[in-house]
Protein backbone atom coordinates (compact mmCIF):
# COMPACT_ATOMS: atom_id res chain seq x y z
CA MET A 1 -14.23 2.71 9.06
CA SER A 2 -16.26 1.50 5.96
CA GLU A 3 -13.66 -1.05 4.14
CA ILE A 4 -13.62 -4.06 1.03
CA VAL A 5 -14.38 -7.31 2.78
CA ILE A 6 -12.70 -10.27 1.16
CA ASP A 7 -14.64 -13.85 1.52
CA HIS A 8 -12.62 -16.68 -0.83
CA SER A 9 -14.67 -19.33 1.03
CA CYS A 10 -16.46 -20.50 -2.10
CA LYS A 11 -13.36 -20.49 -4.03
CA PRO A 12 -13.48 -20.27 -7.15
CA ILE A 13 -15.89 -17.43 -6.60
CA ILE A 14 -14.34 -14.30 -5.23
CA PHE A 15 -16.21 -11.95 -2.94
CA ALA A 16 -15.56 -8.57 -1.91
CA LYS A 17 -18.43 -6.39 -0.06
CA PHE A 18 -17.81 -2.90 0.10
CA THR A 19 -19.25 -2.13 3.48
CA GLY A 20 -19.44 1.71 2.63
CA PRO A 21 -17.57 3.90 0.81
CA PRO A 22 -14.32 3.57 1.33
CA GLU A 23 -10.88 5.46 2.05
CA ASP A 24 -7.91 5.28 0.18
CA GLN A 25 -5.75 2.54 2.12
CA GLY A 26 -9.08 0.52 1.87
CA ILE A 27 -8.48 0.49 -2.04
CA LEU A 28 -5.31 -0.36 -1.72
CA LYS A 29 -5.43 -2.86 1.14
CA TYR A 30 -7.85 -4.21 -1.48
CA LEU A 31 -5.75 -4.05 -4.48
CA ASP A 32 -2.55 -5.99 -2.49
CA ALA A 33 -5.50 -8.67 -2.21
CA SER A 34 -6.03 -8.90 -5.45
CA ASP A 35 -2.42 -8.96 -6.12
CA VAL A 36 -2.46 -11.80 -4.07
CA ASP A 37 -5.28 -13.48 -6.02
CA ILE A 38 -3.57 -13.07 -9.33
CA ALA A 39 -0.43 -14.54 -7.41
CA ARG A 40 -1.95 -17.36 -7.05
CA GLY A 41 -1.94 -18.60 -10.55
CA GLU A 42 -5.53 -19.90 -10.39
CA PRO A 43 -8.57 -19.14 -12.47
CA TYR A 44 -11.45 -17.33 -10.29
CA VAL A 45 -15.12 -15.00 -10.50
CA LEU A 46 -15.46 -12.01 -9.03
CA ILE A 47 -18.15 -10.77 -7.39
CA LEU A 48 -18.19 -7.47 -6.29
CA GLU A 49 -21.75 -5.74 -4.12
CA ALA A 50 -21.41 -1.89 -3.87
CA MET A 51 -24.49 -1.91 -2.14
CA LYS A 52 -23.51 0.58 0.36
CA LEU A 53 -21.17 2.42 -2.02
CA ASP A 54 -22.25 5.65 -4.07
CA THR A 55 -19.05 6.65 -5.89
CA LEU A 56 -15.18 6.39 -5.53
CA SER A 57 -12.85 9.22 -6.07
CA THR A 58 -11.04 10.67 -9.04
CA THR A 59 -8.00 9.07 -6.73
CA GLN A 60 -9.62 5.84 -6.23
CA ARG A 61 -11.04 5.73 -10.09
CA LYS A 62 -7.50 5.67 -10.96
CA LEU A 63 -5.88 3.25 -8.46
CA PHE A 64 -8.09 0.46 -9.97
CA ALA A 65 -7.82 1.75 -13.45
CA SER A 66 -3.71 1.55 -13.16
CA TRP A 67 -4.32 -2.00 -11.13
CA ILE A 68 -6.91 -3.34 -14.35
CA GLU A 69 -4.20 -2.12 -16.73
CA THR A 70 -1.04 -3.27 -14.47
CA ASN A 71 -2.49 -6.58 -14.26
CA ARG A 72 -4.59 -7.29 -17.80
CA LEU A 73 -2.80 -10.09 -19.40
CA GLU A 74 -3.24 -12.19 -15.52
CA ILE A 75 -6.68 -10.60 -15.06
CA GLN A 76 -7.39 -12.29 -18.77
CA ARG A 77 -5.70 -15.29 -18.03
CA LEU A 78 -7.51 -16.03 -15.43
CA CYS A 79 -10.52 -14.12 -14.18
CA ALA A 80 -13.52 -15.59 -16.10
CA GLY A 81 -15.87 -13.40 -15.63
CA GLN A 82 -16.72 -9.75 -12.91
CA ALA A 83 -19.81 -9.31 -11.53
CA TYR A 84 -20.83 -5.89 -9.87
CA VAL A 85 -23.76 -5.69 -8.03
CA VAL A 86 -25.44 -2.06 -7.17
CA PRO A 87 -28.31 -1.38 -5.00
CA SER A 88 -30.21 1.34 -8.28
CA VAL A 89 -30.87 1.78 -12.12
CA LEU A 90 -28.95 5.03 -12.01
CA GLN A 91 -25.94 3.20 -10.63
CA ARG A 92 -26.12 0.81 -12.78
CA MET A 93 -26.20 2.64 -15.48
CA VAL A 94 -23.45 4.87 -14.61
CA ILE A 95 -21.18 1.43 -14.66
CA ARG A 96 -21.31 0.16 -17.71
CA SER A 97 -21.15 3.82 -18.91
CA ILE A 98 -17.60 3.73 -17.41
CA PHE A 99 -16.81 0.21 -18.57
CA MET A 100 -18.35 1.30 -22.22
CA LEU A 101 -15.87 4.13 -22.42
CA GLN A 102 -13.27 2.09 -20.22
CA PRO A 103 -13.47 -1.82 -21.43
CA MET A 104 -12.69 -4.57 -18.85
CA PRO A 105 -10.35 -7.06 -20.05
CA VAL A 106 -12.69 -9.96 -18.96
CA ALA A 107 -16.62 -10.81 -19.63
CA TYR A 108 -18.59 -9.02 -16.77
CA LYS A 109 -22.03 -8.05 -16.06
CA VAL A 110 -23.60 -5.60 -13.67
CA PHE A 111 -26.75 -6.90 -10.98
CA SER A 112 -29.08 -5.79 -8.47
CA THR A 113 -28.48 -8.83 -6.44
CA PRO A 114 -25.86 -10.97 -5.43
CA LYS A 115 -28.09 -13.74 -5.82
CA GLU A 116 -28.40 -13.23 -10.05
CA ALA A 117 -24.61 -12.14 -9.97
CA TRP A 118 -23.84 -16.17 -8.02
CA GLU A 119 -25.83 -17.79 -10.96
CA TRP A 120 -24.02 -15.63 -13.33
CA CYS A 121 -20.61 -16.53 -12.46
CA LEU A 122 -21.35 -20.42 -11.79
CA GLU A 123 -22.09 -20.36 -15.65
CA ARG A 124 -18.87 -18.06 -16.70
CA LEU A 125 -16.93 -21.00 -14.64
CA GLU A 126 -18.76 -23.62 -16.46
CA GLU A 127 -18.18 -21.94 -19.54
CA ASN A 128 -14.19 -21.49 -18.98
CA ASN A 129 -14.26 -25.48 -18.00
CA VAL A 130 -13.02 -24.08 -14.11
CA THR A 131 -13.84 -27.29 -11.58
CA PHE A 132 -15.32 -26.12 -8.23
CA GLU A 133 -17.04 -27.81 -4.92
CA GLU A 134 -20.34 -28.58 -5.68
CA ARG A 135 -21.41 -26.79 -2.53
CA ILE A 136 -20.87 -23.46 -4.06
CA ARG A 137 -23.88 -24.01 -6.15
CA THR A 138 -25.64 -22.32 -3.56
CA CYS A 139 -25.55 -18.99 -3.25
CA PRO A 140 -24.24 -18.16 0.64
CA ILE A 141 -25.14 -14.55 -0.04
CA SER A 142 -28.16 -12.52 1.09
CA ALA A 143 -29.53 -10.62 -1.14
């Protein structure tokens, strides 16, 4: 069964990885974990790696959209940026077009590799004066 694995070991960078196409319950579990992240009240950046994800169902897209709308102000206050890692040019174009229609409440960028996303997230943290341990300057995510 596919899931969304969340790694907080390099806070304030939160790394979420789709291990394959998730079921609706997996999306709900991820959104519950995101509620906990918001409740902490600490600044963060998010990397969402979707290398093994083809698409989300209409129901799943609605779950994400509803969560974002409900938490929009807190996301804007706490999230310094969101990086999306997707494998193909076509998928990156689809994601960009979705965000044109449904704007994200924070800065975001779409990448082809986790390393590029990690470097951008470090820049976002620095631009927003968010402190972090020096050890996280090196991306621990394999490409």
